[in-house]
Amino acid sequence: MHELALAESVVKIAEEHADGKRVTKVELAVGALRQVVPEALAFGFEAVAVGTAAEGAVLEIDEVPARLACEACGAETERSGFPLACGRCGSLDVDVRSGEELLVLALELEGERDPERRA
């Protein structure tokens, strides 16, 4: 279950940027091609956050669809999984434009109104 390792990394990032404050929310962007099971990631996050600044934090996961640019016909289409083929002509000669992300987008810290944006 690679979600547990991902959860550990997310908690580590949150703690590094929390500056001693309690983390109340972590917002993630996860690409569809990362093959992450959101429920497993949330479970892992909850488990590894115990005893850290992120304990009890809400984990918000935004899924980023896979966007492909076709080299054969020029179309740009979205795909939800494999094979990575053009949605218009079926060509496998595509460039992945999005869907491979795994980013901590924002942290909400206790006592702050707006999330601390990280990119």
N, C-alpha and C. Protein backbone atom coordinates (compact mmCIF):
# COMPACT_ATOMS: atom_id res chain seq x y z
N MET A 1 0.85 -1.18 0.00
CA MET A 1 0.00 0.00 0.00
C MET A 1 0.89 1.23 0.00
N HIS A 2 1.10 1.82 -1.16
CA HIS A 2 1.96 2.99 -1.25
C HIS A 2 1.30 4.23 -0.66
N GLU A 3 0.00 4.17 -0.41
CA GLU A 3 -0.69 5.31 0.19
C GLU A 3 -0.15 5.64 1.57
N LEU A 4 0.30 4.64 2.32
CA LEU A 4 0.87 4.90 3.64
C LEU A 4 2.15 5.71 3.52
N ALA A 5 3.00 5.37 2.59
CA ALA A 5 4.24 6.14 2.37
C ALA A 5 3.91 7.55 1.91
N LEU A 6 2.90 7.70 1.07
CA LEU A 6 2.48 9.04 0.63
C LEU A 6 1.95 9.84 1.81
N ALA A 7 1.17 9.20 2.65
CA ALA A 7 0.62 9.87 3.84
C ALA A 7 1.74 10.35 4.76
N GLU A 8 2.76 9.52 4.93
CA GLU A 8 3.91 9.92 5.76
C GLU A 8 4.59 11.16 5.19
N SER A 9 4.73 11.21 3.89
CA SER A 9 5.35 12.38 3.24
C SER A 9 4.50 13.62 3.41
N VAL A 10 3.19 13.48 3.28
CA VAL A 10 2.28 14.62 3.43
C VAL A 10 2.35 15.16 4.86
N VAL A 11 2.35 14.27 5.84
CA VAL A 11 2.45 14.71 7.24
C VAL A 11 3.79 15.40 7.49
N LYS A 12 4.85 14.87 6.93
CA LYS A 12 6.17 15.49 7.09
C LYS A 12 6.18 16.91 6.50
N ILE A 13 5.62 17.06 5.32
CA ILE A 13 5.55 18.39 4.69
C ILE A 13 4.72 19.34 5.55
N ALA A 14 3.58 18.86 6.03
CA ALA A 14 2.71 19.69 6.87
C ALA A 14 3.45 20.15 8.12
N GLU A 15 4.16 19.24 8.75
CA GLU A 15 4.88 19.60 9.98
C GLU A 15 6.00 20.60 9.70
N GLU A 16 6.69 20.44 8.59
CA GLU A 16 7.78 21.36 8.24
C GLU A 16 7.29 22.79 8.04
N HIS A 17 6.06 22.93 7.57
CA HIS A 17 5.53 24.26 7.26
C HIS A 17 4.58 24.80 8.33
N ALA A 18 4.29 24.01 9.34
CA ALA A 18 3.34 24.42 10.38
C ALA A 18 3.95 25.44 11.34
N ASP A 19 5.26 25.50 11.41
CA ASP A 19 5.94 26.47 12.26
C ASP A 19 5.45 26.40 13.70
N GLY A 20 5.28 25.18 14.20
CA GLY A 20 4.88 24.98 15.58
C GLY A 20 3.39 25.08 15.84
N LYS A 21 2.60 25.41 14.82
CA LYS A 21 1.15 25.51 14.98
C LYS A 21 0.50 24.18 14.65
N ARG A 22 -0.73 24.03 15.12
CA ARG A 22 -1.49 22.83 14.80
C ARG A 22 -2.08 22.97 13.39
N VAL A 23 -1.98 21.91 12.61
CA VAL A 23 -2.54 21.87 11.25
C VAL A 23 -3.98 21.40 11.37
N THR A 24 -4.91 22.20 10.83
CA THR A 24 -6.33 21.83 10.91
C THR A 24 -6.85 21.25 9.60
N LYS A 25 -6.18 21.59 8.48
CA LYS A 25 -6.61 21.04 7.19
C LYS A 25 -5.43 20.97 6.24
N VAL A 26 -5.39 19.90 5.45
CA VAL A 26 -4.38 19.72 4.41
C VAL A 26 -5.15 19.49 3.11
N GLU A 27 -4.81 20.29 2.11
CA GLU A 27 -5.47 20.16 0.81
C GLU A 27 -4.46 19.61 -0.20
N LEU A 28 -4.82 18.50 -0.84
CA LEU A 28 -3.95 17.83 -1.81
C LEU A 28 -4.57 17.84 -3.21
N ALA A 29 -3.70 17.88 -4.21
CA ALA A 29 -4.09 17.63 -5.59
C ALA A 29 -3.45 16.31 -5.98
N VAL A 30 -4.25 15.35 -6.37
CA VAL A 30 -3.75 14.02 -6.72
C VAL A 30 -4.20 13.69 -8.13
N GLY A 31 -3.24 13.47 -9.01
CA GLY A 31 -3.53 13.14 -10.39
C GLY A 31 -4.14 11.76 -10.53
N ALA A 32 -5.06 11.63 -11.48
CA ALA A 32 -5.74 10.36 -11.72
C ALA A 32 -4.77 9.24 -12.09
N LEU A 33 -3.63 9.59 -12.67
CA LEU A 33 -2.67 8.58 -13.09
C LEU A 33 -1.77 8.10 -11.94
N ARG A 34 -1.88 8.70 -10.78
CA ARG A 34 -1.08 8.30 -9.61
C ARG A 34 -1.57 7.00 -9.01
N GLN A 35 -2.75 6.56 -9.39
CA GLN A 35 -3.35 5.33 -8.89
C GLN A 35 -3.38 5.29 -7.37
N VAL A 36 -3.85 6.40 -6.79
CA VAL A 36 -4.00 6.52 -5.34
C VAL A 36 -5.46 6.25 -5.00
N VAL A 37 -5.68 5.40 -4.01
CA VAL A 37 -7.03 5.15 -3.51
C VAL A 37 -7.28 6.18 -2.41
N PRO A 38 -8.17 7.15 -2.67
CA PRO A 38 -8.38 8.23 -1.69
C PRO A 38 -8.69 7.76 -0.28
N GLU A 39 -9.51 6.72 -0.14
CA GLU A 39 -9.86 6.21 1.18
C GLU A 39 -8.63 5.64 1.90
N ALA A 40 -7.77 4.97 1.16
CA ALA A 40 -6.56 4.41 1.75
C ALA A 40 -5.60 5.51 2.15
N LEU A 41 -5.49 6.56 1.33
CA LEU A 41 -4.64 7.69 1.67
C LEU A 41 -5.16 8.39 2.92
N ALA A 42 -6.47 8.60 3.00
CA ALA A 42 -7.07 9.26 4.17
C ALA A 42 -6.85 8.42 5.43
N PHE A 43 -7.01 7.11 5.31
CA PHE A 43 -6.78 6.22 6.45
C PHE A 43 -5.33 6.29 6.90
N GLY A 44 -4.41 6.21 5.93
CA GLY A 44 -2.98 6.29 6.25
C GLY A 44 -2.61 7.62 6.87
N PHE A 45 -3.18 8.70 6.34
CA PHE A 45 -2.91 10.04 6.88
C PHE A 45 -3.34 10.12 8.35
N GLU A 46 -4.53 9.64 8.62
CA GLU A 46 -5.03 9.67 10.00
C GLU A 46 -4.12 8.89 10.93
N ALA A 47 -3.64 7.75 10.46
CA ALA A 47 -2.79 6.89 11.30
C ALA A 47 -1.42 7.51 11.55
N VAL A 48 -0.78 8.03 10.52
CA VAL A 48 0.59 8.55 10.70
C VAL A 48 0.60 9.95 11.30
N ALA A 49 -0.54 10.63 11.31
CA ALA A 49 -0.60 11.98 11.88
C ALA A 49 -0.68 11.97 13.40
N VAL A 50 -0.98 10.83 14.00
CA VAL A 50 -1.10 10.73 15.45
C VAL A 50 0.21 11.18 16.10
N GLY A 51 0.08 12.12 17.04
CA GLY A 51 1.25 12.62 17.76
C GLY A 51 2.02 13.71 17.03
N THR A 52 1.49 14.19 15.88
CA THR A 52 2.15 15.23 15.11
C THR A 52 1.28 16.49 15.11
N ALA A 53 1.79 17.55 14.50
CA ALA A 53 1.03 18.80 14.38
C ALA A 53 -0.20 18.60 13.49
N ALA A 54 -0.23 17.53 12.70
CA ALA A 54 -1.35 17.28 11.79
C ALA A 54 -2.40 16.34 12.38
N GLU A 55 -2.23 15.93 13.62
CA GLU A 55 -3.20 15.02 14.23
C GLU A 55 -4.58 15.68 14.25
N GLY A 56 -5.58 14.97 13.74
CA GLY A 56 -6.94 15.48 13.72
C GLY A 56 -7.25 16.39 12.54
N ALA A 57 -6.26 16.67 11.70
CA ALA A 57 -6.48 17.56 10.55
C ALA A 57 -7.40 16.90 9.53
N VAL A 58 -8.16 17.72 8.85
CA VAL A 58 -9.00 17.26 7.75
C VAL A 58 -8.11 17.13 6.51
N LEU A 59 -8.22 16.01 5.82
CA LEU A 59 -7.49 15.81 4.58
C LEU A 59 -8.47 15.96 3.42
N GLU A 60 -8.25 16.96 2.60
CA GLU A 60 -9.11 17.21 1.44
C GLU A 60 -8.33 16.83 0.19
N ILE A 61 -8.88 15.90 -0.58
CA ILE A 61 -8.20 15.40 -1.77
C ILE A 61 -8.97 15.82 -3.02
N ASP A 62 -8.30 16.60 -3.86
CA ASP A 62 -8.87 17.03 -5.14
C ASP A 62 -8.23 16.20 -6.23
N GLU A 63 -9.05 15.42 -6.97
CA GLU A 63 -8.50 14.59 -8.05
C GLU A 63 -8.34 15.42 -9.31
N VAL A 64 -7.15 15.34 -9.90
CA VAL A 64 -6.83 16.04 -11.14
C VAL A 64 -6.95 15.04 -12.29
N PRO A 65 -7.83 15.32 -13.25
CA PRO A 65 -7.99 14.37 -14.35
C PRO A 65 -6.75 14.33 -15.24
N ALA A 66 -6.60 13.20 -15.93
CA ALA A 66 -5.50 13.07 -16.89
C ALA A 66 -5.89 13.81 -18.16
N ARG A 67 -5.08 14.77 -18.57
CA ARG A 67 -5.29 15.50 -19.82
C ARG A 67 -4.17 15.12 -20.78
N LEU A 68 -4.57 14.73 -21.97
CA LEU A 68 -3.62 14.27 -22.97
C LEU A 68 -3.70 15.15 -24.22
N ALA A 69 -2.55 15.44 -24.78
CA ALA A 69 -2.47 16.14 -26.06
C ALA A 69 -1.99 15.12 -27.09
N CYS A 70 -2.77 14.94 -28.13
CA CYS A 70 -2.47 13.96 -29.16
C CYS A 70 -1.51 14.54 -30.20
N GLU A 71 -0.42 13.84 -30.43
CA GLU A 71 0.55 14.27 -31.44
C GLU A 71 0.04 13.97 -32.86
N ALA A 72 -0.86 12.99 -32.97
CA ALA A 72 -1.35 12.58 -34.29
C ALA A 72 -2.44 13.53 -34.83
N CYS A 73 -3.44 13.85 -34.01
CA CYS A 73 -4.56 14.65 -34.52
C CYS A 73 -4.68 16.02 -33.87
N GLY A 74 -3.88 16.28 -32.83
CA GLY A 74 -3.88 17.58 -32.19
C GLY A 74 -4.95 17.78 -31.13
N ALA A 75 -5.78 16.79 -30.89
CA ALA A 75 -6.85 16.91 -29.89
C ALA A 75 -6.28 16.90 -28.48
N GLU A 76 -6.96 17.58 -27.58
CA GLU A 76 -6.64 17.52 -26.16
C GLU A 76 -7.85 16.93 -25.46
N THR A 77 -7.67 15.77 -24.83
CA THR A 77 -8.78 15.06 -24.21
C THR A 77 -8.44 14.66 -22.79
N GLU A 78 -9.47 14.31 -22.02
CA GLU A 78 -9.31 13.81 -20.66
C GLU A 78 -9.50 12.31 -20.66
N ARG A 79 -8.71 11.62 -19.85
CA ARG A 79 -8.83 10.18 -19.68
C ARG A 79 -8.86 9.89 -18.20
N SER A 80 -9.56 8.85 -17.80
CA SER A 80 -9.63 8.51 -16.39
C SER A 80 -8.67 7.39 -16.02
N GLY A 81 -8.05 6.78 -17.00
CA GLY A 81 -7.13 5.69 -16.69
C GLY A 81 -6.40 5.22 -17.92
N PHE A 82 -5.90 4.01 -17.84
CA PHE A 82 -5.10 3.44 -18.91
C PHE A 82 -5.99 2.66 -19.87
N PRO A 83 -5.64 2.51 -21.14
CA PRO A 83 -4.43 3.00 -21.80
C PRO A 83 -4.53 4.51 -22.06
N LEU A 84 -3.38 5.13 -22.13
CA LEU A 84 -3.32 6.56 -22.40
C LEU A 84 -3.39 6.77 -23.91
N ALA A 85 -4.61 6.77 -24.39
CA ALA A 85 -4.86 6.92 -25.83
C ALA A 85 -5.71 8.16 -26.07
N CYS A 86 -5.54 8.75 -27.22
CA CYS A 86 -6.33 9.92 -27.61
C CYS A 86 -7.82 9.57 -27.59
N GLY A 87 -8.59 10.44 -26.98
CA GLY A 87 -10.03 10.23 -26.92
C GLY A 87 -10.72 10.45 -28.25
N ARG A 88 -10.05 11.10 -29.19
CA ARG A 88 -10.65 11.36 -30.51
C ARG A 88 -10.26 10.28 -31.53
N CYS A 89 -8.95 10.06 -31.71
CA CYS A 89 -8.52 9.15 -32.79
C CYS A 89 -7.97 7.82 -32.28
N GLY A 90 -7.72 7.69 -30.97
CA GLY A 90 -7.23 6.44 -30.41
C GLY A 90 -5.72 6.27 -30.46
N SER A 91 -5.00 7.25 -30.98
CA SER A 91 -3.55 7.17 -31.06
C SER A 91 -2.92 7.08 -29.67
N LEU A 92 -1.85 6.32 -29.59
CA LEU A 92 -1.09 6.23 -28.33
C LEU A 92 0.05 7.24 -28.29
N ASP A 93 0.19 8.02 -29.34
CA ASP A 93 1.23 9.04 -29.42
C ASP A 93 0.70 10.33 -28.78
N VAL A 94 0.71 10.33 -27.43
CA VAL A 94 0.13 11.44 -26.68
C VAL A 94 1.15 12.01 -25.69
N ASP A 95 0.94 13.25 -25.33
CA ASP A 95 1.74 13.94 -24.33
C ASP A 95 0.84 14.16 -23.12
N VAL A 96 1.27 13.70 -21.95
CA VAL A 96 0.48 13.87 -20.73
C VAL A 96 0.66 15.30 -20.23
N ARG A 97 -0.44 16.04 -20.15
CA ARG A 97 -0.40 17.43 -19.71
C ARG A 97 -0.72 17.57 -18.24
N SER A 98 -1.56 16.68 -17.71
CA SER A 98 -1.87 16.68 -16.28
C SER A 98 -2.35 15.30 -15.90
N GLY A 99 -2.37 15.05 -14.59
CA GLY A 99 -2.84 13.77 -14.09
C GLY A 99 -1.79 12.99 -13.35
N GLU A 100 -0.54 13.50 -13.35
CA GLU A 100 0.54 12.84 -12.63
C GLU A 100 0.90 13.57 -11.33
N GLU A 101 0.15 14.62 -11.01
CA GLU A 101 0.46 15.45 -9.84
C GLU A 101 0.24 14.71 -8.53
N LEU A 102 1.00 15.12 -7.54
CA LEU A 102 0.75 14.80 -6.14
C LEU A 102 1.33 15.98 -5.38
N LEU A 103 0.47 16.94 -5.08
CA LEU A 103 0.91 18.21 -4.51
C LEU A 103 0.15 18.55 -3.24
N VAL A 104 0.86 19.10 -2.27
CA VAL A 104 0.21 19.72 -1.13
C VAL A 104 -0.12 21.14 -1.59
N LEU A 105 -1.40 21.42 -1.79
CA LEU A 105 -1.83 22.72 -2.29
C LEU A 105 -1.91 23.77 -1.19
N ALA A 106 -2.42 23.36 -0.03
CA ALA A 106 -2.62 24.34 1.03
C ALA A 106 -2.63 23.66 2.39
N LEU A 107 -2.21 24.43 3.37
CA LEU A 107 -2.30 24.02 4.76
C LEU A 107 -3.11 25.07 5.49
N GLU A 108 -4.04 24.63 6.30
CA GLU A 108 -4.76 25.55 7.17
C GLU A 108 -4.23 25.30 8.57
N LEU A 109 -3.75 26.35 9.18
CA LEU A 109 -3.16 26.25 10.50
C LEU A 109 -4.08 26.86 11.54
N GLU A 110 -4.04 26.34 12.73
CA GLU A 110 -4.88 26.85 13.80
C GLU A 110 -4.63 28.33 14.01
N GLY A 111 -5.70 29.11 14.09
CA GLY A 111 -5.57 30.54 14.32
C GLY A 111 -5.41 31.36 13.06
N GLU A 112 -5.41 30.73 11.90
CA GLU A 112 -5.29 31.47 10.64
C GLU A 112 -6.60 31.45 9.89
N ARG A 113 -6.92 32.53 9.23
CA ARG A 113 -8.15 32.61 8.44
C ARG A 113 -7.98 31.97 7.08
N ASP A 114 -6.91 32.29 6.39
CA ASP A 114 -6.67 31.80 5.04
C ASP A 114 -5.60 30.72 5.08
N PRO A 115 -5.74 29.69 4.25
CA PRO A 115 -4.72 28.64 4.21
C PRO A 115 -3.38 29.19 3.70
N GLU A 116 -2.34 28.59 4.19
CA GLU A 116 -0.98 28.93 3.74
C GLU A 116 -0.77 28.19 2.42
N ARG A 117 -0.67 28.92 1.32
CA ARG A 117 -0.54 28.30 0.00
C ARG A 117 0.89 27.85 -0.23
N ARG A 118 1.00 26.64 -0.70
CA ARG A 118 2.30 26.05 -1.04
C ARG A 118 2.19 25.48 -2.44
N ALA A 119 3.24 25.65 -3.22
CA ALA A 119 3.22 25.05 -4.56
C ALA A 119 4.51 24.31 -4.81
